[in-house]
Amino acid sequence: MASTPKHSVSVAGVVVDDQNRVLVIRRDDNGHWEPPGGVLELNESIEEGVRREVFEETGVAIEVERLTGVYKNITHGIVALVFRCIAIHGDGHPTNEAREVRWMSTDEVQDSMDPAFAVRILDAFSDEPQIRTHDGVNLVHS
């Protein structure tokens, strides 16, 4: 009997300010710009995980508003749930996981991020949640 494939579940927060800029991090491990997020822990709810990850990576406390997309990395078996959020308090600062934290416009996001991560932010400006597949860098069209 074949074994069942294993996936990990991650969460990310697209934190949007009143100027429609988004809070992003430059990851310390690979130097890539991404929305803040990470692996969901077994003992926490999905919204708790989003709040924890955004705070750990940016120092910004957030309120989760709504699901904006589900993304599967077919290379690594990661399913990411992405949520639109608003900042409650904190300005953002570098952390152990983020060498830089800043607010970017959607144009800057498109210029600075791999397509698989830029689309997560752009989808947060859509009215309906999106479902997408990628290889870790580029979208894979089915």
Protein backbone atom coordinates (compact mmCIF):
# COMPACT_ATOMS: atom_id res chain seq x y z
CA MET A 1 0.00 0.00 0.00
CA ALA A 2 1.37 3.43 -0.96
CA SER A 3 1.99 5.90 1.81
CA THR A 4 -0.05 9.10 2.00
CA PRO A 5 1.89 12.20 0.92
CA LYS A 6 2.79 14.54 3.77
CA HIS A 7 2.20 18.28 3.56
CA SER A 8 2.97 21.10 5.93
CA VAL A 9 0.59 24.00 6.47
CA SER A 10 1.87 27.54 6.63
CA VAL A 11 0.13 30.85 7.18
CA ALA A 12 0.98 34.38 6.08
CA GLY A 13 -0.43 37.81 6.72
CA VAL A 14 -0.76 40.54 4.11
CA VAL A 15 -0.88 43.56 6.40
CA VAL A 16 -2.31 46.56 4.53
CA ASP A 17 -2.06 50.16 5.75
CA ASP A 18 -4.29 53.14 4.95
CA GLN A 19 -2.14 53.97 1.90
CA ASN A 20 -2.60 50.45 0.46
CA ARG A 21 1.02 49.58 1.21
CA VAL A 22 1.85 46.14 2.55
CA LEU A 23 4.21 45.05 5.32
CA VAL A 24 6.93 42.79 3.93
CA ILE A 25 10.09 41.15 5.19
CA ARG A 26 13.44 40.30 3.66
CA ARG A 27 14.00 36.82 5.04
CA ASP A 28 17.22 36.31 6.95
CA ASP A 29 17.77 32.76 5.66
CA ASN A 30 17.56 33.41 1.89
CA GLY A 31 17.37 37.20 1.44
CA HIS A 32 14.04 37.05 -0.43
CA TRP A 33 11.23 39.54 0.08
CA GLU A 34 7.96 37.90 1.21
CA PRO A 35 4.88 38.59 3.28
CA PRO A 36 5.51 37.56 6.91
CA GLY A 37 4.47 34.03 7.75
CA GLY A 38 5.55 30.51 8.57
CA VAL A 39 4.55 27.02 9.61
CA LEU A 40 1.36 26.64 11.62
CA GLU A 41 1.99 24.96 14.97
CA LEU A 42 -0.08 21.94 16.00
CA ASN A 43 -1.46 23.54 19.18
CA GLU A 44 -2.71 26.84 17.72
CA SER A 45 -5.66 28.00 15.66
CA ILE A 46 -5.07 29.31 12.15
CA GLU A 47 -5.70 32.93 13.16
CA GLU A 48 -3.44 32.57 16.21
CA GLY A 49 -0.72 31.30 13.88
CA VAL A 50 -1.08 34.30 11.55
CA ARG A 51 -0.89 36.73 14.48
CA ARG A 52 2.13 34.90 15.98
CA GLU A 53 4.08 34.69 12.73
CA VAL A 54 3.54 38.34 11.76
CA PHE A 55 4.51 39.51 15.25
CA GLU A 56 7.60 37.23 15.46
CA GLU A 57 8.88 38.39 12.08
CA THR A 58 7.99 42.10 12.22
CA GLY A 59 7.13 43.18 15.77
CA VAL A 60 3.73 44.35 14.50
CA ALA A 61 0.55 43.14 16.25
CA ILE A 62 -2.28 42.54 13.78
CA GLU A 63 -5.95 41.77 13.42
CA VAL A 64 -6.82 39.08 10.88
CA GLU A 65 -9.57 40.24 8.49
CA ARG A 66 -10.19 37.51 5.90
CA LEU A 67 -8.74 34.63 3.88
CA THR A 68 -7.40 35.86 0.53
CA GLY A 69 -5.84 32.73 -0.92
CA VAL A 70 -4.66 29.14 -0.67
CA TYR A 71 -1.31 28.33 -2.32
CA LYS A 72 0.42 24.99 -2.81
CA ASN A 73 4.15 24.70 -3.35
CA ILE A 74 4.30 21.46 -5.37
CA THR A 75 8.09 21.22 -4.96
CA HIS A 76 8.07 21.12 -1.15
CA GLY A 77 4.51 20.01 -0.31
CA ILE A 78 3.63 23.21 1.54
CA VAL A 79 0.06 24.51 1.62
CA ALA A 80 -0.10 28.19 2.59
CA LEU A 81 -3.20 29.98 3.84
CA VAL A 82 -2.88 33.74 3.31
CA PHE A 83 -4.95 36.36 5.10
CA ARG A 84 -5.49 40.08 4.71
CA CYS A 85 -4.73 41.84 8.00
CA ILE A 86 -4.54 45.28 9.56
CA ALA A 87 -1.89 46.54 11.99
CA ILE A 88 -3.03 47.15 15.56
CA HIS A 89 0.26 48.49 16.95
CA GLY A 90 3.98 48.47 16.26
CA ASP A 91 6.05 50.01 13.47
CA GLY A 92 7.96 46.96 12.32
CA HIS A 93 11.63 46.23 12.85
CA PRO A 94 14.23 43.60 11.89
CA THR A 95 14.04 40.34 13.86
CA ASN A 96 15.87 37.01 14.05
CA GLU A 97 13.91 35.85 10.99
CA ALA A 98 13.75 39.10 9.01
CA ARG A 99 16.83 41.17 8.19
CA GLU A 100 14.60 43.99 6.88
CA VAL A 101 11.00 44.98 7.45
CA ARG A 102 9.30 47.67 5.38
CA TRP A 103 6.10 48.88 3.78
CA MET A 104 5.90 48.44 -0.01
CA SER A 105 3.47 49.53 -2.69
CA THR A 106 2.04 46.81 -4.92
CA ASP A 107 4.34 48.04 -7.74
CA GLU A 108 7.36 47.59 -5.45
CA VAL A 109 6.11 44.13 -4.51
CA GLN A 110 5.95 43.09 -8.18
CA ASP A 111 9.47 44.40 -8.76
CA SER A 112 10.99 42.87 -5.60
CA MET A 113 9.40 39.44 -5.12
CA ASP A 114 9.35 36.12 -6.90
CA PRO A 115 6.00 35.71 -8.72
CA ALA A 116 4.84 32.94 -6.35
CA PHE A 117 5.01 35.37 -3.41
CA ALA A 118 4.05 38.63 -5.14
CA VAL A 119 0.75 37.06 -6.24
CA ARG A 120 -0.15 36.36 -2.61
CA ILE A 121 -0.04 40.08 -1.91
CA LEU A 122 -1.80 41.10 -5.11
CA ASP A 123 -4.56 38.52 -4.43
CA ALA A 124 -5.21 40.21 -1.06
CA PHE A 125 -6.62 43.16 -3.03
CA SER A 126 -9.15 40.91 -4.79
CA ASP A 127 -12.71 40.46 -3.51
CA GLU A 128 -12.61 36.65 -3.65
CA PRO A 129 -10.05 34.16 -2.28
CA GLN A 130 -7.76 32.65 -4.92
CA ILE A 131 -6.37 29.11 -5.21
CA ARG A 132 -2.98 28.80 -6.87
CA THR A 133 -0.14 26.33 -7.36
CA HIS A 134 3.56 27.21 -7.67
CA ASP A 135 7.00 25.62 -7.71
CA GLY A 136 8.49 27.90 -5.05
CA VAL A 137 9.29 30.68 -7.53
CA ASN A 138 6.78 30.72 -10.39
CA LEU A 139 3.10 29.97 -10.69
CA VAL A 140 2.20 26.63 -12.27
CA HIS A 141 -0.89 26.77 -14.45
CA SER A 142 -3.03 23.65 -14.46
